[in-house]
Structure formats: structure tokens, C-alpha cells
Amino acid sequence: TMAQKITEAHEHVAKAEKYLKTSFMKWKPDYDSAASEYAKAAVAFKSARQLEQAKDAYLQEAEAHTSNRSLFHAANFFVLSQDMQRLPEAVQYIEKASVMYVENGTPDTAAMALDRAGKLMEPLDLAKAAHLYQQAAGVFENEERLRQAVELIGKASRLLVRQQKFDEAAESLQKEKNMYKEIENYPTCFKKTIAQVLVHLHRGDYVAAEKCVQESYSIPGFSGSEDCVAMEQLLQGYDDQDEELVSRVCTSPLLRYMDNDYAKLAISLKVPGGGKKKPAAAGDSGAAPPEEEEDEYAGGLC
């Protein structure tokens, strides 16, 4: 029964505590035996659906012999309890455990755990989630597994854009583009160039945006591609303060069907010194509704 399981769990905890005590005859605590008893206590608490106590027992097991498995169990209980306020604590355990996994030669497990932690944190804390994705990417990058690494850097880039941290987003996108170039995925490099241009123009840095396009000319297939032509037009329109041209490029399917975070940057891009004619130009190309959407989005971030 549940009551029996709880009694059994408490007995294991008492035994574990006894193993940790020292005396005149016993100078050193017996950590291994204590860890084993805490693990048994955790299983018994779990059977009795005492999640909080099970989590504590796993943490005590982890302390008794820094076992990454125990840390993950502890983290899982936070997640299972679906207590959103405890999630940051759960993520701390996942981070600790992932360091141990890397040290123990199982980096894959570490990276996947950090990726999962990032997903858990997204609804709560975008900055923390982006950092977790960057950590996971770093683990894969050290293993020279660039395909997995670049996907995670991409997640971080999008979250940085969502927070309007454009300087960091620009750095992250540059890293992404370089990695895609290294693994010879050139069409994705083109898309990253568009994202870079949008981020730099939102930073008000035309020179940096132009430089990103220029460096992409060396990527096979970029010159003359629709991505290239669109960016040349966008830069031209931005430089000439031609709102109509900028609006036409920014509301074109090429930009509208990018990842949502970048599509929103395109729709909300303003020409320097302009502003009055923009709504009319956007209206002509049927882009008024997204304009309103963008306003709500911007308001939500303030």
C-alpha cells in the first residue's frame, strides 16, 4: 500500500543517514552505501506518489555520490510536478548534470538535456532559454558535430531577435552562416544573409547590412539568386529612402514566409527619415494587417 511504501522510504532514509555518520570507530562516512539507500528511498517515495520527497531523496543521492543520473531524476520531478515556478531550479540540475555527462564522455546526452531545458524555459525566460541553446550548441561544436550545433545556434538567434537583442542576434547569425558555409549548405546561407540584413537595418547599421551581402557573393550560387536580388533591392531602397521599394521587398513571399521572428522584422522595417508614406505603401501591397500585428508584438515587448 501507499502507507507501507512511505514507511519503507523513511526506513531507507534513516539507514542512509546512519551510513553518513562518523564515530570514534568510523572516521569516514560511507557515501556509496548512503547513496544506495537514498536511491531506494526515492523509488519508494515515487511509488507512493510523494514527488517532492522523491526529488529530495534523489538530490541527497546525488550529493552522496555526484551521480548525474540522480541529478536528472531530481530535475525530472520538478518537471513532472508541473510547477512552473520550480522550473528554473530544475534547469539548474540539468545544467549541473550535463557538465558531468561531458566529463564522463557522453556529450550527446548533455547536449540533448540542455536542448530540452531550453524548450522548458522558453515560455518563462527567453534569455535563459537562448543561453541553454548556446550551451547545447557548444557541446556539439566541441564534438565537431556542426549540423546539430548550427540548428541550436539558430534557435538562440531567433530568441535573441524576439527579445530585440539585435547586437547579439547579429553575432549569432554570423556564426550560423559561417557554420552552414562550412558544411556546404549554401541555400541556407542565403536565408541567413537575409536575416542578417534585417537585423542590421533594425540596428540602424546600413554598412554592416551591406557587408553581409558583399561577403555572401563568395558563396556558390548566391550572386543572381532571388535572395541576392531581393537584398540588393532592399539595401538600395533603404539607402534611397524609397519606402515603396522597401515595402515591396519586405512584404514579398520570400521574406513573408521566413521564420516568424524574421518575417516580423521585415514587416516592421522603417525607412530612415520616412514614416509618413509607409502605411500607404504597405496598404497598396496588401500588407496592412501584418502592420497591425507587428504593433501588438512590439507593444508586448515594452
C-alpha atoms as a PDB file:
ATOM      1  CA  THR A   1       0.000   0.000   0.000  1.00  0.00           C
ATOM      2  CA  MET A   2       0.918   3.646  -0.237  1.00  0.00           C
ATOM      3  CA  ALA A   3       1.411   3.918   3.541  1.00  0.00           C
ATOM      4  CA  GLN A   4       3.765   0.918   3.511  1.00  0.00           C
ATOM      5  CA  LYS A   5       5.801   2.462   0.702  1.00  0.00           C
ATOM      6  CA  ILE A   6       6.139   5.715   2.651  1.00  0.00           C
ATOM      7  CA  THR A   7       7.261   3.814   5.771  1.00  0.00           C
ATOM      8  CA  GLU A   8       9.744   1.828   3.669  1.00  0.00           C
ATOM      9  CA  ALA A   9      11.095   5.053   2.148  1.00  0.00           C
ATOM     10  CA  HIS A  10      11.643   6.614   5.581  1.00  0.00           C
ATOM     11  CA  GLU A  11      13.482   3.465   6.729  1.00  0.00           C
ATOM     12  CA  HIS A  12      15.871   3.786   3.773  1.00  0.00           C
ATOM     13  CA  VAL A  13      16.446   7.474   4.583  1.00  0.00           C
ATOM     14  CA  ALA A  14      17.240   6.580   8.219  1.00  0.00           C
ATOM     15  CA  LYS A  15      19.735   3.921   7.058  1.00  0.00           C
ATOM     16  CA  ALA A  16      21.341   6.390   4.656  1.00  0.00           C
ATOM     17  CA  GLU A  17      21.751   8.960   7.429  1.00  0.00           C
ATOM     18  CA  LYS A  18      23.355   6.299   9.618  1.00  0.00           C
ATOM     19  CA  TYR A  19      25.890   5.498   6.860  1.00  0.00           C
ATOM     20  CA  LEU A  20      26.831   9.178   6.685  1.00  0.00           C
ATOM     21  CA  LYS A  21      27.504   9.486  10.439  1.00  0.00           C
ATOM     22  CA  THR A  22      31.051   9.210  11.722  1.00  0.00           C
ATOM     23  CA  SER A  23      32.106   7.922  15.131  1.00  0.00           C
ATOM     24  CA  PHE A  24      35.213   7.100  17.147  1.00  0.00           C
ATOM     25  CA  MET A  25      35.491   3.759  15.303  1.00  0.00           C
ATOM     26  CA  LYS A  26      34.242   5.002  11.914  1.00  0.00           C
ATOM     27  CA  TRP A  27      36.183   8.004  10.685  1.00  0.00           C
ATOM     28  CA  LYS A  28      34.812   8.329   7.172  1.00  0.00           C
ATOM     29  CA  PRO A  29      31.181   8.441   6.000  1.00  0.00           C
ATOM     30  CA  ASP A  30      30.169   5.528   3.745  1.00  0.00           C
ATOM     31  CA  TYR A  31      28.949   7.591   0.796  1.00  0.00           C
ATOM     32  CA  ASP A  32      28.304   4.674  -1.578  1.00  0.00           C
ATOM     33  CA  SER A  33      26.027   2.819   0.857  1.00  0.00           C
ATOM     34  CA  ALA A  34      24.231   6.063   1.748  1.00  0.00           C
ATOM     35  CA  ALA A  35      23.675   6.836  -1.942  1.00  0.00           C
ATOM     36  CA  SER A  36      22.244   3.360  -2.479  1.00  0.00           C
ATOM     37  CA  GLU A  37      19.765   3.808   0.417  1.00  0.00           C
ATOM     38  CA  TYR A  38      18.714   7.265  -0.810  1.00  0.00           C
ATOM     39  CA  ALA A  39      18.092   5.786  -4.275  1.00  0.00           C
ATOM     40  CA  LYS A  40      15.855   3.073  -2.752  1.00  0.00           C
ATOM     41  CA  ALA A  41      14.042   5.730  -0.699  1.00  0.00           C
ATOM     42  CA  ALA A  42      13.450   7.799  -3.844  1.00  0.00           C
ATOM     43  CA  VAL A  43      11.925   4.821  -5.681  1.00  0.00           C
ATOM     44  CA  ALA A  44       9.641   4.075  -2.702  1.00  0.00           C
ATOM     45  CA  PHE A  45       8.541   7.726  -2.431  1.00  0.00           C
ATOM     46  CA  LYS A  46       7.906   7.764  -6.178  1.00  0.00           C
ATOM     47  CA  SER A  47       5.705   4.636  -5.902  1.00  0.00           C
ATOM     48  CA  ALA A  48       3.744   6.397  -3.151  1.00  0.00           C
ATOM     49  CA  ARG A  49       3.404   9.458  -5.418  1.00  0.00           C
ATOM     50  CA  GLN A  50       5.326  11.633  -2.953  1.00  0.00           C
ATOM     51  CA  LEU A  51       7.106  13.550  -5.722  1.00  0.00           C
ATOM     52  CA  GLU A  52       8.609  16.283  -3.551  1.00  0.00           C
ATOM     53  CA  GLN A  53      10.165  13.754  -1.148  1.00  0.00           C
ATOM     54  CA  ALA A  54      11.313  11.566  -4.050  1.00  0.00           C
ATOM     55  CA  LYS A  55      13.039  14.595  -5.554  1.00  0.00           C
ATOM     56  CA  ASP A  56      14.774  15.360  -2.233  1.00  0.00           C
ATOM     57  CA  ALA A  57      15.942  11.746  -1.934  1.00  0.00           C
ATOM     58  CA  TYR A  58      17.390  11.835  -5.464  1.00  0.00           C
ATOM     59  CA  LEU A  59      19.208  15.075  -4.622  1.00  0.00           C
ATOM     60  CA  GLN A  60      20.648  13.513  -1.474  1.00  0.00           C
ATOM     61  CA  GLU A  61      21.738  10.507  -3.535  1.00  0.00           C
ATOM     62  CA  ALA A  62      23.366  12.913  -5.995  1.00  0.00           C
ATOM     63  CA  GLU A  63      25.201  14.632  -3.155  1.00  0.00           C
ATOM     64  CA  ALA A  64      26.324  11.308  -1.684  1.00  0.00           C
ATOM     65  CA  HIS A  65      27.994  10.299  -4.924  1.00  0.00           C
ATOM     66  CA  THR A  66      27.782  13.051  -7.513  1.00  0.00           C
ATOM     67  CA  SER A  67      25.772  10.892  -9.865  1.00  0.00           C
ATOM     68  CA  ASN A  68      24.435  12.672 -12.925  1.00  0.00           C
ATOM     69  CA  ARG A  69      21.627  10.117 -13.196  1.00  0.00           C
ATOM     70  CA  SER A  70      20.330  11.255  -9.805  1.00  0.00           C
ATOM     71  CA  LEU A  71      20.526  14.899 -10.826  1.00  0.00           C
ATOM     72  CA  PHE A  72      18.418  14.150 -13.887  1.00  0.00           C
ATOM     73  CA  HIS A  73      15.874  12.266 -11.787  1.00  0.00           C
ATOM     74  CA  ALA A  74      15.669  15.248  -9.445  1.00  0.00           C
ATOM     75  CA  ALA A  75      15.214  17.625 -12.375  1.00  0.00           C
ATOM     76  CA  ASN A  76      12.525  15.376 -13.838  1.00  0.00           C
ATOM     77  CA  PHE A  77      10.498  15.594 -10.661  1.00  0.00           C
ATOM     78  CA  PHE A  78      10.375  19.353 -10.926  1.00  0.00           C
ATOM     79  CA  VAL A  79       9.155  18.950 -14.486  1.00  0.00           C
ATOM     80  CA  LEU A  80       6.636  16.228 -13.566  1.00  0.00           C
ATOM     81  CA  SER A  81       5.194  18.320 -10.761  1.00  0.00           C
ATOM     82  CA  GLN A  82       4.352  20.890 -13.491  1.00  0.00           C
ATOM     83  CA  ASP A  83       5.171  23.677 -11.089  1.00  0.00           C
ATOM     84  CA  MET A  84       6.337  26.428 -13.425  1.00  0.00           C
ATOM     85  CA  GLN A  85       7.934  28.365 -10.573  1.00  0.00           C
ATOM     86  CA  ARG A  86      10.223  25.417  -9.834  1.00  0.00           C
ATOM     87  CA  LEU A  87      11.390  25.027 -13.440  1.00  0.00           C
ATOM     88  CA  PRO A  88      14.416  27.341 -13.085  1.00  0.00           C
ATOM     89  CA  GLU A  89      15.563  25.085 -10.233  1.00  0.00           C
ATOM     90  CA  ALA A  90      15.057  22.002 -12.422  1.00  0.00           C
ATOM     91  CA  VAL A  91      17.099  23.616 -15.174  1.00  0.00           C
ATOM     92  CA  GLN A  92      19.968  24.232 -12.733  1.00  0.00           C
ATOM     93  CA  TYR A  93      20.124  20.496 -12.034  1.00  0.00           C
ATOM     94  CA  ILE A  94      20.030  19.716 -15.753  1.00  0.00           C
ATOM     95  CA  GLU A  95      22.943  22.132 -16.298  1.00  0.00           C
ATOM     96  CA  LYS A  96      24.948  20.534 -13.466  1.00  0.00           C
ATOM     97  CA  ALA A  97      24.206  17.060 -14.762  1.00  0.00           C
ATOM     98  CA  SER A  98      25.174  17.997 -18.320  1.00  0.00           C
ATOM     99  CA  VAL A  99      28.627  19.126 -17.127  1.00  0.00           C
ATOM    100  CA  MET A 100      29.082  15.688 -15.548  1.00  0.00           C
ATOM    101  CA  TYR A 101      27.914  13.952 -18.710  1.00  0.00           C
ATOM    102  CA  VAL A 102      30.520  15.845 -20.739  1.00  0.00           C
ATOM    103  CA  GLU A 103      33.209  14.934 -18.189  1.00  0.00           C
ATOM    104  CA  ASN A 104      32.107  11.283 -18.277  1.00  0.00           C
ATOM    105  CA  GLY A 105      32.433  11.155 -22.057  1.00  0.00           C
ATOM    106  CA  THR A 106      28.735  11.199 -23.021  1.00  0.00           C
ATOM    107  CA  PRO A 107      28.363  14.689 -24.534  1.00  0.00           C
ATOM    108  CA  ASP A 108      25.308  13.721 -26.629  1.00  0.00           C
ATOM    109  CA  THR A 109      23.243  13.196 -23.502  1.00  0.00           C
ATOM    110  CA  ALA A 110      24.449  16.549 -22.164  1.00  0.00           C
ATOM    111  CA  ALA A 111      23.542  18.458 -25.336  1.00  0.00           C
ATOM    112  CA  MET A 112      20.109  16.838 -25.611  1.00  0.00           C
ATOM    113  CA  ALA A 113      19.379  17.632 -21.970  1.00  0.00           C
ATOM    114  CA  LEU A 114      20.373  21.289 -22.435  1.00  0.00           C
ATOM    115  CA  ASP A 115      18.218  21.500 -25.570  1.00  0.00           C
ATOM    116  CA  ARG A 116      15.280  20.092 -23.602  1.00  0.00           C
ATOM    117  CA  ALA A 117      15.939  22.560 -20.777  1.00  0.00           C
ATOM    118  CA  GLY A 118      15.882  25.376 -23.354  1.00  0.00           C
ATOM    119  CA  LYS A 119      12.450  24.262 -24.575  1.00  0.00           C
ATOM    120  CA  LEU A 120      11.164  24.145 -20.985  1.00  0.00           C
ATOM    121  CA  MET A 121      12.435  27.662 -20.281  1.00  0.00           C
ATOM    122  CA  GLU A 122      11.113  29.333 -23.452  1.00  0.00           C
ATOM    123  CA  PRO A 123       7.675  30.197 -22.007  1.00  0.00           C
ATOM    124  CA  LEU A 124       9.294  31.569 -18.831  1.00  0.00           C
ATOM    125  CA  ASP A 125      12.580  33.238 -19.679  1.00  0.00           C
ATOM    126  CA  LEU A 126      13.717  33.802 -23.277  1.00  0.00           C
ATOM    127  CA  ALA A 127      17.200  34.970 -22.258  1.00  0.00           C
ATOM    128  CA  LYS A 128      17.835  31.813 -20.221  1.00  0.00           C
ATOM    129  CA  ALA A 129      16.430  29.607 -22.993  1.00  0.00           C
ATOM    130  CA  ALA A 130      18.743  31.231 -25.567  1.00  0.00           C
ATOM    131  CA  HIS A 131      21.716  30.675 -23.235  1.00  0.00           C
ATOM    132  CA  LEU A 132      20.808  26.981 -22.818  1.00  0.00           C
ATOM    133  CA  TYR A 133      20.597  26.523 -26.600  1.00  0.00           C
ATOM    134  CA  GLN A 134      24.016  28.184 -26.937  1.00  0.00           C
ATOM    135  CA  GLN A 135      25.453  25.832 -24.295  1.00  0.00           C
ATOM    136  CA  ALA A 136      23.994  22.807 -26.105  1.00  0.00           C
ATOM    137  CA  ALA A 137      25.421  24.081 -29.406  1.00  0.00           C
ATOM    138  CA  GLY A 138      28.830  24.476 -27.754  1.00  0.00           C
ATOM    139  CA  VAL A 139      28.813  20.827 -26.653  1.00  0.00           C
ATOM    140  CA  PHE A 140      28.039  19.639 -30.201  1.00  0.00           C
ATOM    141  CA  GLU A 141      30.567  22.056 -31.683  1.00  0.00           C
ATOM    142  CA  ASN A 142      33.323  20.638 -29.466  1.00  0.00           C
ATOM    143  CA  GLU A 143      32.436  17.215 -30.859  1.00  0.00           C
ATOM    144  CA  GLU A 144      32.666  18.685 -34.386  1.00  0.00           C
ATOM    145  CA  ARG A 145      29.018  17.835 -34.961  1.00  0.00           C
ATOM    146  CA  LEU A 146      28.234  21.040 -36.779  1.00  0.00           C
ATOM    147  CA  ARG A 147      24.819  20.076 -38.162  1.00  0.00           C
ATOM    148  CA  GLN A 148      23.426  19.607 -34.662  1.00  0.00           C
ATOM    149  CA  ALA A 149      25.305  22.651 -33.347  1.00  0.00           C
ATOM    150  CA  VAL A 150      24.080  25.035 -36.050  1.00  0.00           C
ATOM    151  CA  GLU A 151      20.445  24.055 -35.521  1.00  0.00           C
ATOM    152  CA  LEU A 152      20.731  25.030 -31.849  1.00  0.00           C
ATOM    153  CA  ILE A 153      22.506  28.300 -32.655  1.00  0.00           C
ATOM    154  CA  GLY A 154      19.544  29.007 -34.959  1.00  0.00           C
ATOM    155  CA  LYS A 155      17.141  28.587 -32.042  1.00  0.00           C
ATOM    156  CA  ALA A 156      19.234  31.017 -29.991  1.00  0.00           C
ATOM    157  CA  SER A 157      19.338  33.567 -32.857  1.00  0.00           C
ATOM    158  CA  ARG A 158      15.540  33.586 -33.136  1.00  0.00           C
ATOM    159  CA  LEU A 159      15.076  34.070 -29.394  1.00  0.00           C
ATOM    160  CA  LEU A 160      17.602  36.936 -29.376  1.00  0.00           C
ATOM    161  CA  VAL A 161      15.643  38.621 -32.184  1.00  0.00           C
ATOM    162  CA  ARG A 162      12.404  38.091 -30.263  1.00  0.00           C
ATOM    163  CA  GLN A 163      13.945  39.951 -27.314  1.00  0.00           C
ATOM    164  CA  GLN A 164      15.166  42.679 -29.705  1.00  0.00           C
ATOM    165  CA  LYS A 165      18.758  41.992 -28.641  1.00  0.00           C
ATOM    166  CA  PHE A 166      19.910  42.833 -32.144  1.00  0.00           C
ATOM    167  CA  ASP A 167      23.660  43.130 -31.455  1.00  0.00           C
ATOM    168  CA  GLU A 168      23.779  39.604 -30.009  1.00  0.00           C
ATOM    169  CA  ALA A 169      21.447  38.312 -32.731  1.00  0.00           C
ATOM    170  CA  ALA A 170      23.790  39.702 -35.414  1.00  0.00           C
ATOM    171  CA  GLU A 171      26.738  37.820 -33.868  1.00  0.00           C
ATOM    172  CA  SER A 172      24.711  34.631 -33.565  1.00  0.00           C
ATOM    173  CA  LEU A 173      23.554  34.824 -37.203  1.00  0.00           C
ATOM    174  CA  GLN A 174      27.124  35.365 -38.408  1.00  0.00           C
ATOM    175  CA  LYS A 175      28.153  32.220 -36.548  1.00  0.00           C
ATOM    176  CA  GLU A 176      25.226  30.323 -38.099  1.00  0.00           C
ATOM    177  CA  LYS A 177      26.089  31.484 -41.609  1.00  0.00           C
ATOM    178  CA  ASN A 178      29.766  30.531 -41.209  1.00  0.00           C
ATOM    179  CA  MET A 179      28.780  27.072 -39.999  1.00  0.00           C
ATOM    180  CA  TYR A 180      26.320  26.473 -42.843  1.00  0.00           C
ATOM    181  CA  LYS A 181      29.067  27.546 -45.241  1.00  0.00           C
ATOM    182  CA  GLU A 182      31.466  25.077 -43.613  1.00  0.00           C
ATOM    183  CA  ILE A 183      29.024  22.175 -44.061  1.00  0.00           C
ATOM    184  CA  GLU A 184      28.341  23.447 -47.618  1.00  0.00           C
ATOM    185  CA  ASN A 185      24.637  24.078 -47.089  1.00  0.00           C
ATOM    186  CA  TYR A 186      24.706  27.152 -49.320  1.00  0.00           C
ATOM    187  CA  PRO A 187      20.950  27.829 -49.804  1.00  0.00           C
ATOM    188  CA  THR A 188      20.587  28.192 -46.024  1.00  0.00           C
ATOM    189  CA  CYS A 189      23.496  30.677 -46.060  1.00  0.00           C
ATOM    190  CA  PHE A 190      21.383  32.819 -48.409  1.00  0.00           C
ATOM    191  CA  LYS A 191      18.493  32.815 -45.905  1.00  0.00           C
ATOM    192  CA  LYS A 192      20.865  33.717 -43.082  1.00  0.00           C
ATOM    193  CA  THR A 193      22.104  36.655 -45.177  1.00  0.00           C
ATOM    194  CA  ILE A 194      18.517  37.963 -45.412  1.00  0.00           C
ATOM    195  CA  ALA A 195      18.111  37.585 -41.636  1.00  0.00           C
ATOM    196  CA  GLN A 196      21.423  39.412 -41.093  1.00  0.00           C
ATOM    197  CA  VAL A 197      20.380  42.321 -43.313  1.00  0.00           C
ATOM    198  CA  LEU A 198      17.055  42.681 -41.468  1.00  0.00           C
ATOM    199  CA  VAL A 199      18.764  42.600 -38.058  1.00  0.00           C
ATOM    200  CA  HIS A 200      21.443  45.132 -39.061  1.00  0.00           C
ATOM    201  CA  LEU A 201      18.885  47.516 -40.585  1.00  0.00           C
ATOM    202  CA  HIS A 202      16.874  47.319 -37.356  1.00  0.00           C
ATOM    203  CA  ARG A 203      20.118  48.248 -35.597  1.00  0.00           C
ATOM    204  CA  GLY A 204      20.318  51.198 -37.998  1.00  0.00           C
ATOM    205  CA  ASP A 205      23.634  49.897 -39.368  1.00  0.00           C
ATOM    206  CA  TYR A 206      23.399  50.051 -43.167  1.00  0.00           C
ATOM    207  CA  VAL A 207      27.154  49.482 -43.598  1.00  0.00           C
ATOM    208  CA  ALA A 208      27.063  46.181 -41.659  1.00  0.00           C
ATOM    209  CA  ALA A 209      23.996  45.041 -43.649  1.00  0.00           C
ATOM    210  CA  GLU A 210      25.761  45.807 -46.936  1.00  0.00           C
ATOM    211  CA  LYS A 211      28.900  43.986 -45.768  1.00  0.00           C
ATOM    212  CA  CYS A 212      26.859  40.816 -45.066  1.00  0.00           C
ATOM    213  CA  VAL A 213      25.564  40.825 -48.648  1.00  0.00           C
ATOM    214  CA  GLN A 214      29.026  41.520 -50.077  1.00  0.00           C
ATOM    215  CA  GLU A 215      30.640  38.643 -48.176  1.00  0.00           C
ATOM    216  CA  SER A 216      27.887  36.326 -49.459  1.00  0.00           C
ATOM    217  CA  TYR A 217      28.925  36.933 -53.085  1.00  0.00           C
ATOM    218  CA  SER A 218      31.705  34.402 -52.447  1.00  0.00           C
ATOM    219  CA  ILE A 219      29.124  31.713 -51.558  1.00  0.00           C
ATOM    220  CA  PRO A 220      28.415  29.485 -54.589  1.00  0.00           C
ATOM    221  CA  GLY A 221      25.064  30.319 -56.207  1.00  0.00           C
ATOM    222  CA  PHE A 222      24.317  33.481 -54.209  1.00  0.00           C
ATOM    223  CA  SER A 223      25.069  36.033 -56.911  1.00  0.00           C
ATOM    224  CA  GLY A 224      21.974  36.443 -59.094  1.00  0.00           C
ATOM    225  CA  SER A 225      19.764  34.299 -56.807  1.00  0.00           C
ATOM    226  CA  GLU A 226      16.344  35.672 -55.802  1.00  0.00           C
ATOM    227  CA  ASP A 227      17.701  36.137 -52.258  1.00  0.00           C
ATOM    228  CA  CYS A 228      20.593  38.200 -53.594  1.00  0.00           C
ATOM    229  CA  VAL A 229      18.398  40.343 -55.878  1.00  0.00           C
ATOM    230  CA  ALA A 230      15.916  40.986 -53.046  1.00  0.00           C
ATOM    231  CA  MET A 231      18.674  42.115 -50.665  1.00  0.00           C
ATOM    232  CA  GLU A 232      20.252  44.384 -53.293  1.00  0.00           C
ATOM    233  CA  GLN A 233      16.839  45.991 -53.827  1.00  0.00           C
ATOM    234  CA  LEU A 234      16.204  46.291 -50.085  1.00  0.00           C
ATOM    235  CA  LEU A 235      19.559  47.992 -49.482  1.00  0.00           C
ATOM    236  CA  GLN A 236      19.001  50.273 -52.473  1.00  0.00           C
ATOM    237  CA  GLY A 237      15.517  51.219 -51.253  1.00  0.00           C
ATOM    238  CA  TYR A 238      16.728  51.769 -47.691  1.00  0.00           C
ATOM    239  CA  ASP A 239      19.644  53.931 -48.850  1.00  0.00           C
ATOM    240  CA  ASP A 240      17.412  55.983 -51.199  1.00  0.00           C
ATOM    241  CA  GLN A 241      14.672  56.250 -48.525  1.00  0.00           C
ATOM    242  CA  ASP A 242      12.341  54.678 -51.080  1.00  0.00           C
ATOM    243  CA  GLU A 243       9.535  53.393 -48.863  1.00  0.00           C
ATOM    244  CA  GLU A 244       7.638  51.792 -51.694  1.00  0.00           C
ATOM    245  CA  LEU A 245      10.583  49.631 -52.782  1.00  0.00           C
ATOM    246  CA  VAL A 246      11.422  48.648 -49.183  1.00  0.00           C
ATOM    247  CA  SER A 247       7.783  47.752 -48.535  1.00  0.00           C
ATOM    248  CA  ARG A 248       7.580  45.715 -51.756  1.00  0.00           C
ATOM    249  CA  VAL A 249      10.633  43.629 -50.796  1.00  0.00           C
ATOM    250  CA  CYS A 250       9.606  43.275 -47.142  1.00  0.00           C
ATOM    251  CA  THR A 251       6.089  42.063 -47.951  1.00  0.00           C
ATOM    252  CA  SER A 252       7.209  39.711 -50.745  1.00  0.00           C
ATOM    253  CA  PRO A 253       6.633  35.963 -50.179  1.00  0.00           C
ATOM    254  CA  LEU A 254      10.418  35.457 -49.933  1.00  0.00           C
ATOM    255  CA  LEU A 255      10.523  37.427 -46.663  1.00  0.00           C
ATOM    256  CA  ARG A 256       6.970  36.834 -45.500  1.00  0.00           C
ATOM    257  CA  TYR A 257       7.483  33.060 -45.345  1.00  0.00           C
ATOM    258  CA  MET A 258      10.710  33.180 -43.357  1.00  0.00           C
ATOM    259  CA  ASP A 259      10.728  32.097 -39.701  1.00  0.00           C
ATOM    260  CA  ASN A 260       8.139  34.181 -37.892  1.00  0.00           C
ATOM    261  CA  ASP A 261      10.704  36.203 -35.917  1.00  0.00           C
ATOM    262  CA  TYR A 262      12.419  37.370 -39.118  1.00  0.00           C
ATOM    263  CA  ALA A 263       9.155  37.898 -41.033  1.00  0.00           C
ATOM    264  CA  LYS A 264       8.101  40.289 -38.250  1.00  0.00           C
ATOM    265  CA  LEU A 265      11.370  42.200 -38.634  1.00  0.00           C
ATOM    266  CA  ALA A 266      10.677  42.591 -42.357  1.00  0.00           C
ATOM    267  CA  ILE A 267       7.122  43.843 -41.843  1.00  0.00           C
ATOM    268  CA  SER A 268       8.160  46.351 -39.170  1.00  0.00           C
ATOM    269  CA  LEU A 269      11.200  47.766 -41.010  1.00  0.00           C
ATOM    270  CA  LYS A 270      11.041  51.552 -41.281  1.00  0.00           C
ATOM    271  CA  VAL A 271      12.990  53.678 -43.740  1.00  0.00           C
ATOM    272  CA  PRO A 272      15.162  56.336 -42.073  1.00  0.00           C
ATOM    273  CA  GLY A 273      13.742  59.827 -42.453  1.00  0.00           C
ATOM    274  CA  GLY A 274      10.488  58.377 -43.792  1.00  0.00           C
ATOM    275  CA  GLY A 275       7.496  57.078 -41.910  1.00  0.00           C
ATOM    276  CA  LYS A 276       4.597  59.125 -43.222  1.00  0.00           C
ATOM    277  CA  LYS A 277       4.277  57.363 -46.558  1.00  0.00           C
ATOM    278  CA  LYS A 278       4.960  53.858 -45.214  1.00  0.00           C
ATOM    279  CA  PRO A 279       1.388  52.856 -44.208  1.00  0.00           C
ATOM    280  CA  ALA A 280       0.036  53.914 -47.617  1.00  0.00           C
ATOM    281  CA  ALA A 281       2.736  51.979 -49.460  1.00  0.00           C
ATOM    282  CA  ALA A 282       2.164  48.949 -47.256  1.00  0.00           C
ATOM    283  CA  GLY A 283      -1.590  49.226 -47.831  1.00  0.00           C
ATOM    284  CA  ASP A 284      -1.092  49.193 -51.595  1.00  0.00           C
ATOM    285  CA  SER A 285       0.658  45.861 -51.383  1.00  0.00           C
ATOM    286  CA  GLY A 286      -1.987  44.402 -49.084  1.00  0.00           C
ATOM    287  CA  ALA A 287       0.252  44.334 -46.024  1.00  0.00           C
ATOM    288  CA  ALA A 288      -1.807  46.482 -43.655  1.00  0.00           C
ATOM    289  CA  PRO A 289      -2.988  43.614 -41.384  1.00  0.00           C
ATOM    290  CA  PRO A 290       0.568  42.392 -40.637  1.00  0.00           C
ATOM    291  CA  GLU A 291       1.448  46.018 -39.783  1.00  0.00           C
ATOM    292  CA  GLU A 292      -1.192  45.978 -37.038  1.00  0.00           C
ATOM    293  CA  GLU A 293       0.016  42.590 -35.831  1.00  0.00           C
ATOM    294  CA  GLU A 294       3.519  43.948 -35.568  1.00  0.00           C
ATOM    295  CA  ASP A 295       2.320  46.855 -33.429  1.00  0.00           C
ATOM    296  CA  GLU A 296       0.806  44.423 -30.933  1.00  0.00           C
ATOM    297  CA  TYR A 297       4.031  42.417 -30.940  1.00  0.00           C
ATOM    298  CA  ALA A 298       6.161  45.496 -30.328  1.00  0.00           C
ATOM    299  CA  GLY A 299       3.846  46.621 -27.530  1.00  0.00           C
ATOM    300  CA  GLY A 300       4.148  43.226 -25.887  1.00  0.00           C
ATOM    301  CA  LEU A 301       7.895  43.606 -25.582  1.00  0.00           C
ATOM    302  CA  CYS A 302       7.865  47.018 -23.938  1.00  0.00           C
END
